[in-house]
Amino acid sequence: MSNENSSSKLRVLIVGGGVAGLEAALALNDLAPELTSRTLLAPNDRFVMRPEVVREPFSYPKAQSWPVAAVAAAVDVELIVDELEWVEPEKNVVHTKSGRGIEYDALVLALGAHPSPRFNHAITIDRNLDETVHGLIQDVEGGYAKDLVFLAPGRMGWPLPLYELALMTSGRAYDMDVPVSITIATPEDSPLALFGATASEAVSEVLEHAGITFIGSAYAEVPRATEVIINPGDRHLKADRIVALPELYGPNVRGIPLSEHGFIRVDQHGEVIDLPGVFAAGDATDFAVKHGGVSTQQADAAAEAIAARAGADLTPKPFHPVVHAMLLTDEKPLYLTARITGGHGFSSEVSDTPKWSPPTKIASKYLTPFLDQLDQAERQRAT
């Protein structure tokens, strides 16, 4: 892994065109631009700000998106549009679905997770959320869906969209003067418990103001489309519509050692356990919290470790996640910050004004400012 020949560059292959992959590319361009050659293998031609998709069923504009090629070109990254098939780590080669073999010195797997419906009789939140939820909102507006239950499965990565959908649905019903009963049932001890007590109490007040019932420590079953059973306690809830988060599974990459449910085990610098030179970042890893900002911090840790191995004069910092989250409501957003340890916040802050800039749904060291610059340049060209 050491770059003994000063005329050569460490070949870094980043797999994935999502938030973690783009952050890793930007970070390496900053930390070791002359010491690394960077290649991005991605199946997508656009990067979509996924957390904004939750607003689309409520007649908001489409989530922002940017060409992946524009990001790659701006930071001297070779872009290969293809999909990963498998990894041959003993030969430092990645094989693509088109049959191409790509050699690397360091590999970053930023593949994301795969959502899967947990409840057969529920509307499962997916990437096409506008199409999935639009009918539900129409039924609420028309008075056909009055009892709504929003569920999180026992194993979930990021509960925020469930709360946002419930709150915005409540607001839409209020605006239309349509009576609804909305319940959120999750395995959490309290609303958004991972952010700690301070933030959780604030979210509880928001839910109460919106008339939403919260049931915590709840493990649900959905025997039919009109009923939810909450355990422990064998509590039965009547429902006209049931909305649920999906369960997440890892990418199940052939050639990579995997932990439970197909996720990738990494150390505090993002290096895959027992596989030197291979790193992973984002939802594909076995870190419990699946959030865009967390993914970028994992990518930053991996990029620092790779840059140091390429010869950059820096000491890699371990991954210590700080989550910045914007909770969308029918009124003003709520801004939450937490330092995460053991899956829960050990210090948290809540505010009705953002504590990070720019105040986007994903706060990151490199990607967010870079996309903001792209937007500014586009606005200047338009004027």
Protein backbone atom coordinates (compact mmCIF):
# COMPACT_ATOMS: atom_id res chain seq x y z
CA MET A 1 0.00 0.00 0.00
CA SER A 2 2.91 2.39 0.48
CA ASN A 3 3.74 4.65 -2.42
CA GLU A 4 7.44 3.84 -2.73
CA ASN A 5 7.83 5.25 -6.23
CA SER A 6 7.32 9.00 -6.01
CA SER A 7 6.37 9.11 -9.70
CA SER A 8 3.47 6.73 -9.21
CA LYS A 9 0.14 7.40 -7.61
CA LEU A 10 -1.95 5.24 -5.35
CA ARG A 11 -4.85 3.97 -7.46
CA VAL A 12 -8.05 4.52 -5.52
CA LEU A 13 -11.27 2.98 -6.80
CA ILE A 14 -14.51 4.28 -5.27
CA VAL A 15 -17.59 2.17 -5.92
CA GLY A 16 -20.88 4.03 -5.59
CA GLY A 17 -22.25 7.34 -6.85
CA GLY A 18 -24.20 8.24 -3.72
CA VAL A 19 -23.41 10.53 -0.84
CA ALA A 20 -20.57 8.43 0.62
CA GLY A 21 -18.90 7.79 -2.73
CA LEU A 22 -18.94 11.43 -3.81
CA GLU A 23 -17.76 12.59 -0.40
CA ALA A 24 -14.82 10.16 -0.57
CA ALA A 25 -13.86 11.45 -4.02
CA LEU A 26 -13.99 15.08 -2.87
CA ALA A 27 -12.07 14.33 0.32
CA LEU A 28 -9.25 12.55 -1.52
CA ASN A 29 -9.03 15.39 -4.01
CA ASP A 30 -8.43 17.72 -1.08
CA LEU A 31 -6.17 15.49 1.03
CA ALA A 32 -3.97 13.80 -1.56
CA PRO A 33 -4.60 15.21 -5.05
CA GLU A 34 -1.04 14.59 -6.29
CA LEU A 35 -0.54 11.28 -4.49
CA THR A 36 -3.64 9.43 -5.70
CA SER A 37 -5.39 8.67 -8.96
CA ARG A 38 -9.11 8.41 -8.37
CA THR A 39 -11.72 6.40 -10.25
CA LEU A 40 -15.44 6.38 -9.52
CA LEU A 41 -17.49 3.33 -10.53
CA ALA A 42 -21.17 4.26 -10.40
CA PRO A 43 -24.38 2.99 -12.03
CA ASN A 44 -26.26 6.30 -11.65
CA ASP A 45 -25.90 9.37 -13.85
CA ARG A 46 -27.39 11.74 -11.24
CA PHE A 47 -26.96 12.20 -7.52
CA VAL A 48 -30.34 12.83 -5.85
CA MET A 49 -30.74 14.49 -2.47
CA ARG A 50 -32.79 11.56 -1.17
CA PRO A 51 -33.88 13.10 2.17
CA GLU A 52 -35.81 15.76 0.23
CA VAL A 53 -37.95 13.15 -1.54
CA VAL A 54 -40.19 12.92 1.54
CA ARG A 55 -41.71 16.32 0.61
CA GLU A 56 -42.72 15.40 -2.94
CA PRO A 57 -46.15 13.83 -2.17
CA PHE A 58 -47.17 17.18 -0.61
CA SER A 59 -46.73 19.17 -3.85
CA TYR A 60 -43.23 20.40 -3.07
CA PRO A 61 -40.66 20.59 -5.88
CA LYS A 62 -38.76 17.47 -6.83
CA ALA A 63 -35.70 16.67 -4.75
CA GLN A 64 -32.56 18.39 -5.96
CA SER A 65 -30.21 16.39 -8.16
CA TRP A 66 -26.86 16.92 -9.86
CA PRO A 67 -24.99 15.11 -12.66
CA VAL A 68 -22.45 12.69 -11.24
CA ALA A 69 -20.21 13.47 -14.21
CA ALA A 70 -20.08 17.14 -13.20
CA VAL A 71 -18.86 16.24 -9.72
CA ALA A 72 -16.28 13.78 -11.09
CA ALA A 73 -14.95 16.22 -13.67
CA ALA A 74 -14.57 19.03 -11.16
CA VAL A 75 -12.25 17.00 -8.93
CA ASP A 76 -10.27 15.10 -11.58
CA VAL A 77 -11.97 11.74 -11.03
CA GLU A 78 -12.33 9.21 -13.84
CA LEU A 79 -15.97 8.15 -14.04
CA ILE A 80 -16.91 4.65 -15.15
CA VAL A 81 -20.65 4.11 -15.57
CA ASP A 82 -21.15 0.46 -14.70
CA GLU A 83 -22.21 -1.76 -11.80
CA LEU A 84 -20.14 -3.81 -9.39
CA GLU A 85 -20.40 -7.56 -9.88
CA TRP A 86 -17.81 -8.90 -7.44
CA VAL A 87 -14.45 -8.18 -5.80
CA GLU A 88 -11.30 -10.24 -6.12
CA PRO A 89 -9.28 -8.84 -3.18
CA GLU A 90 -6.39 -11.28 -3.50
CA LYS A 91 -5.67 -9.73 -6.93
CA ASN A 92 -6.84 -6.18 -6.10
CA VAL A 93 -9.41 -6.31 -8.89
CA VAL A 94 -13.05 -5.28 -9.06
CA HIS A 95 -15.22 -7.01 -11.66
CA THR A 96 -18.16 -5.15 -13.19
CA LYS A 97 -21.43 -6.42 -14.62
CA SER A 98 -20.27 -5.56 -18.12
CA GLY A 99 -17.29 -7.89 -17.66
CA ARG A 100 -14.66 -5.24 -17.05
CA GLY A 101 -11.84 -5.77 -14.55
CA ILE A 102 -10.56 -2.68 -12.71
CA GLU A 103 -7.36 -2.83 -10.69
CA TYR A 104 -6.88 -0.82 -7.54
CA ASP A 105 -4.44 -0.17 -4.71
CA ALA A 106 -7.16 1.02 -2.34
CA LEU A 107 -10.86 0.31 -2.68
CA VAL A 108 -13.77 2.22 -1.14
CA LEU A 109 -17.14 0.44 -1.16
CA ALA A 110 -19.91 3.03 -0.91
CA LEU A 111 -22.74 0.86 -2.15
CA GLY A 112 -25.65 1.81 0.07
CA ALA A 113 -28.18 -0.59 1.56
CA HIS A 114 -31.07 -2.46 -0.04
CA PRO A 115 -34.57 -1.71 1.33
CA SER A 116 -37.05 -4.55 1.63
CA PRO A 117 -40.71 -4.42 2.75
CA ARG A 118 -41.21 -5.80 6.25
CA PHE A 119 -45.02 -5.82 6.29
CA ASN A 120 -46.99 -7.32 3.41
CA HIS A 121 -50.13 -5.31 4.12
CA ALA A 122 -48.57 -1.87 4.50
CA ILE A 123 -47.46 0.94 2.19
CA THR A 124 -43.67 0.69 2.37
CA ILE A 125 -41.68 3.88 2.00
CA ASP A 126 -39.28 3.49 -0.93
CA ARG A 127 -37.21 5.62 -3.29
CA ASN A 128 -40.26 6.42 -5.45
CA LEU A 129 -41.97 7.96 -2.48
CA ASP A 130 -44.08 10.42 -4.45
CA GLU A 131 -45.75 7.60 -6.38
CA THR A 132 -46.00 5.40 -3.28
CA VAL A 133 -47.59 7.94 -0.95
CA HIS A 134 -49.49 10.20 -3.36
CA GLY A 135 -52.57 7.98 -3.28
CA LEU A 136 -52.56 7.99 0.50
CA ILE A 137 -52.58 11.79 0.61
CA GLN A 138 -55.46 11.89 -1.88
CA ASP A 139 -57.42 9.46 0.29
CA VAL A 140 -56.78 11.61 3.37
CA GLU A 141 -57.90 14.77 1.54
CA GLY A 142 -61.03 12.99 0.35
CA GLY A 143 -61.90 11.74 3.82
CA TYR A 144 -61.49 8.07 2.86
CA ALA A 145 -58.54 7.39 5.19
CA LYS A 146 -59.16 8.58 8.74
CA ASP A 147 -57.19 6.12 10.86
CA LEU A 148 -53.51 6.06 9.90
CA VAL A 149 -50.71 4.06 11.49
CA PHE A 150 -47.04 4.73 10.75
CA LEU A 151 -44.75 1.82 11.62
CA ALA A 152 -41.04 1.16 12.00
CA PRO A 153 -39.83 -2.45 11.88
CA GLY A 154 -37.75 -3.96 14.64
CA ARG A 155 -34.57 -3.38 12.64
CA MET A 156 -34.42 0.06 11.09
CA GLY A 157 -31.63 2.37 10.04
CA TRP A 158 -33.11 5.86 10.06
CA PRO A 159 -36.58 6.69 11.44
CA LEU A 160 -36.80 10.40 10.50
CA PRO A 161 -38.85 10.00 7.26
CA LEU A 162 -41.59 8.20 9.19
CA TYR A 163 -42.03 11.16 11.53
CA GLU A 164 -41.88 13.65 8.66
CA LEU A 165 -44.57 11.84 6.68
CA ALA A 166 -46.82 11.58 9.74
CA LEU A 167 -46.38 15.27 10.61
CA MET A 168 -46.92 16.53 7.06
CA THR A 169 -49.94 14.25 6.62
CA SER A 170 -51.40 15.63 9.82
CA GLY A 171 -50.83 19.16 8.56
CA ARG A 172 -52.45 18.42 5.21
CA ALA A 173 -55.53 16.95 6.94
CA TYR A 174 -55.76 20.04 9.15
CA ASP A 175 -55.53 22.35 6.14
CA MET A 176 -58.31 20.40 4.41
CA ASP A 177 -60.42 20.35 7.59
CA VAL A 178 -60.49 16.55 7.50
CA PRO A 179 -60.48 14.66 10.83
CA VAL A 180 -57.74 12.02 11.10
CA SER A 181 -56.26 9.84 13.81
CA ILE A 182 -52.51 9.29 13.35
CA THR A 183 -50.35 6.90 15.37
CA ILE A 184 -46.61 6.33 15.16
CA ALA A 185 -45.41 2.99 16.56
CA THR A 186 -41.68 2.25 16.69
CA PRO A 187 -39.22 0.14 18.70
CA GLU A 188 -37.70 3.35 20.09
CA ASP A 189 -38.10 4.10 23.78
CA SER A 190 -39.17 7.66 22.93
CA PRO A 191 -39.55 9.72 19.75
CA LEU A 192 -36.23 9.88 17.87
CA ALA A 193 -34.49 8.51 20.95
CA LEU A 194 -31.14 8.23 19.19
CA PHE A 195 -30.82 12.03 19.49
CA GLY A 196 -30.97 11.90 23.26
CA ALA A 197 -33.46 13.13 25.85
CA THR A 198 -33.40 16.85 25.00
CA ALA A 199 -34.24 16.38 21.33
CA SER A 200 -36.69 13.56 22.05
CA GLU A 201 -38.69 15.75 24.41
CA ALA A 202 -38.88 18.48 21.77
CA VAL A 203 -40.11 16.00 19.15
CA SER A 204 -42.70 14.69 21.62
CA GLU A 205 -44.06 18.22 21.96
CA VAL A 206 -44.24 18.58 18.17
CA LEU A 207 -46.16 15.31 17.88
CA GLU A 208 -48.53 16.29 20.66
CA HIS A 209 -49.18 19.66 19.01
CA ALA A 210 -50.00 17.84 15.77
CA GLY A 211 -52.34 15.43 17.57
CA ILE A 212 -50.19 12.39 16.77
CA THR A 213 -50.10 9.46 19.20
CA PHE A 214 -46.69 7.86 19.82
CA ILE A 215 -46.32 4.25 20.94
CA GLY A 216 -42.77 3.35 21.93
CA SER A 217 -41.00 0.03 22.52
CA ALA A 218 -43.44 -1.33 19.96
CA TYR A 219 -42.88 -4.39 17.79
CA ALA A 220 -45.63 -4.59 15.21
CA GLU A 221 -47.30 -7.23 13.13
CA VAL A 222 -49.72 -6.48 10.30
CA PRO A 223 -52.02 -9.50 9.77
CA ARG A 224 -54.25 -7.57 7.37
CA ALA A 225 -54.43 -4.14 5.73
CA THR A 226 -56.85 -2.83 8.37
CA GLU A 227 -55.17 -4.01 11.57
CA VAL A 228 -51.89 -3.59 13.44
CA ILE A 229 -50.93 -5.72 16.44
CA ILE A 230 -48.48 -4.10 18.85
CA ASN A 231 -46.32 -6.25 21.10
CA PRO A 232 -45.63 -6.56 23.93
CA GLY A 233 -49.18 -6.26 25.16
CA ASP A 234 -51.09 -7.69 22.19
CA ARG A 235 -52.60 -4.26 21.48
CA HIS A 236 -54.78 -4.09 18.37
CA LEU A 237 -55.04 -0.90 16.31
CA LYS A 238 -57.66 -0.25 13.65
CA ALA A 239 -56.24 1.30 10.48
CA ASP A 240 -57.56 2.58 7.17
CA ARG A 241 -54.00 2.90 5.89
CA ILE A 242 -50.69 1.60 7.24
CA VAL A 243 -47.37 3.20 6.26
CA ALA A 244 -44.07 1.52 7.16
CA LEU A 245 -40.35 1.95 6.86
CA PRO A 246 -38.54 -0.85 5.05
CA GLU A 247 -35.98 -3.14 6.60
CA LEU A 248 -32.48 -2.58 5.28
CA TYR A 249 -30.05 -5.22 4.09
CA GLY A 250 -26.41 -4.93 3.15
CA PRO A 251 -25.13 -5.17 -0.44
CA ASN A 252 -23.98 -8.81 -0.09
CA VAL A 253 -20.84 -8.31 -2.14
CA ARG A 254 -19.17 -11.48 -3.36
CA GLY A 255 -15.54 -11.54 -2.26
CA ILE A 256 -16.07 -9.31 0.78
CA PRO A 257 -16.51 -10.73 4.32
CA LEU A 258 -19.96 -9.79 5.56
CA SER A 259 -21.67 -9.49 8.91
CA GLU A 260 -25.31 -10.13 9.76
CA HIS A 261 -27.85 -9.21 7.06
CA GLY A 262 -25.13 -8.67 4.46
CA PHE A 263 -23.55 -5.53 5.89
CA ILE A 264 -19.80 -4.86 5.84
CA ARG A 265 -17.82 -4.78 9.11
CA VAL A 266 -15.27 -1.96 9.29
CA ASP A 267 -12.89 -0.55 11.89
CA GLN A 268 -12.83 3.05 13.17
CA HIS A 269 -11.04 4.18 10.00
CA GLY A 270 -13.47 2.47 7.66
CA GLU A 271 -11.18 -0.41 6.72
CA VAL A 272 -12.90 -3.72 6.22
CA ILE A 273 -12.11 -6.17 9.00
CA ASP A 274 -9.50 -8.76 7.90
CA LEU A 275 -9.21 -7.20 4.43
CA PRO A 276 -6.37 -4.64 4.27
CA GLY A 277 -6.66 -1.99 1.59
CA VAL A 278 -10.43 -2.31 1.27
CA PHE A 279 -12.64 0.32 2.91
CA ALA A 280 -16.37 0.84 3.18
CA ALA A 281 -18.53 3.83 4.03
CA GLY A 282 -22.20 4.65 4.26
CA ASP A 283 -25.27 2.46 4.57
CA ALA A 284 -23.39 -0.62 3.35
CA THR A 285 -21.47 -0.80 6.65
CA ASP A 286 -22.75 -2.42 9.82
CA PHE A 287 -22.99 0.90 11.70
CA ALA A 288 -26.55 0.98 13.02
CA VAL A 289 -27.46 4.57 12.11
CA LYS A 290 -28.11 4.98 8.39
CA HIS A 291 -27.95 8.70 7.63
CA GLY A 292 -26.38 10.75 4.85
CA GLY A 293 -24.35 12.92 7.20
CA VAL A 294 -23.02 9.85 9.00
CA SER A 295 -22.12 8.31 5.64
CA THR A 296 -20.02 11.34 4.72
CA GLN A 297 -18.17 11.17 8.03
CA GLN A 298 -17.38 7.52 7.41
CA ALA A 299 -16.15 8.46 3.93
CA ASP A 300 -13.96 11.20 5.40
CA ALA A 301 -12.37 8.76 7.85
CA ALA A 302 -11.64 6.29 5.06
CA ALA A 303 -10.26 9.03 2.81
CA GLU A 304 -7.88 10.21 5.53
CA ALA A 305 -6.59 6.68 6.09
CA ILE A 306 -6.05 6.19 2.34
CA ALA A 307 -4.39 9.59 1.94
CA ALA A 308 -1.97 8.79 4.77
CA ARG A 309 -1.04 5.50 3.11
CA ALA A 310 -0.45 7.35 -0.14
CA GLY A 311 2.06 9.54 1.66
CA ALA A 312 0.05 12.58 2.72
CA ASP A 313 1.32 14.37 5.82
CA LEU A 314 -1.63 13.77 8.12
CA THR A 315 -2.72 11.57 10.99
CA PRO A 316 -6.02 9.84 10.17
CA LYS A 317 -8.79 10.60 12.63
CA PRO A 318 -11.15 7.79 13.66
CA PHE A 319 -14.84 7.89 12.93
CA HIS A 320 -16.75 9.66 15.73
CA PRO A 321 -20.22 10.43 14.33
CA VAL A 322 -22.06 13.68 14.89
CA VAL A 323 -25.54 13.69 13.37
CA HIS A 324 -27.12 16.88 12.09
CA ALA A 325 -30.73 16.31 11.07
CA MET A 326 -33.52 18.53 9.81
CA LEU A 327 -36.94 17.22 10.85
CA LEU A 328 -39.49 18.47 8.34
CA THR A 329 -42.91 19.27 9.76
CA ASP A 330 -46.00 20.97 8.39
CA GLU A 331 -44.68 24.19 9.91
CA LYS A 332 -41.07 25.19 10.63
CA PRO A 333 -38.40 22.48 10.54
CA LEU A 334 -36.77 21.30 13.74
CA TYR A 335 -32.97 21.07 13.71
CA LEU A 336 -31.41 18.24 15.73
CA THR A 337 -27.79 17.51 16.56
CA ALA A 338 -26.40 14.52 18.43
CA ARG A 339 -23.08 12.86 19.10
CA ILE A 340 -23.73 9.16 18.74
CA THR A 341 -22.33 6.34 20.82
CA GLY A 342 -23.79 2.89 21.24
CA GLY A 343 -26.62 3.77 18.84
CA HIS A 344 -27.97 6.64 20.98
CA GLY A 345 -27.04 10.27 21.46
CA PHE A 346 -24.88 11.05 24.46
CA SER A 347 -25.18 14.78 23.90
CA SER A 348 -27.86 16.45 21.87
CA GLU A 349 -29.16 19.84 20.88
CA VAL A 350 -32.42 20.99 19.39
CA SER A 351 -33.23 24.30 17.75
CA ASP A 352 -35.71 25.96 15.41
CA THR A 353 -32.75 27.49 13.54
CA PRO A 354 -29.94 25.53 11.84
CA LYS A 355 -26.59 25.11 13.58
CA TRP A 356 -24.76 24.17 10.38
CA SER A 357 -24.27 25.87 7.03
CA PRO A 358 -25.61 25.56 4.46
CA PRO A 359 -28.72 24.28 6.30
CA THR A 360 -29.38 21.26 4.08
CA LYS A 361 -30.78 17.83 4.91
CA ILE A 362 -27.27 16.36 4.67
CA ALA A 363 -24.45 18.19 6.45
CA SER A 364 -21.00 17.18 5.20
CA LYS A 365 -17.47 18.53 5.15
CA TYR A 366 -16.98 18.41 1.39
CA LEU A 367 -20.08 17.40 -0.56
CA THR A 368 -22.60 19.94 0.78
CA PRO A 369 -20.37 23.01 0.19
CA PHE A 370 -19.38 21.64 -3.22
CA LEU A 371 -23.00 21.20 -4.34
CA ASP A 372 -23.80 24.67 -2.99
CA GLN A 373 -21.03 26.07 -5.20
CA LEU A 374 -22.42 24.20 -8.20
CA ASP A 375 -25.83 25.73 -7.54
CA GLN A 376 -24.38 29.22 -7.19
CA ALA A 377 -22.49 28.84 -10.46
CA GLU A 378 -25.66 27.65 -12.19
CA ARG A 379 -27.62 30.63 -10.85
CA GLN A 380 -24.93 33.02 -12.08
CA ARG A 381 -25.05 31.48 -15.55
CA ALA A 382 -28.83 31.85 -15.58
CA THR A 383 -28.70 35.60 -14.82
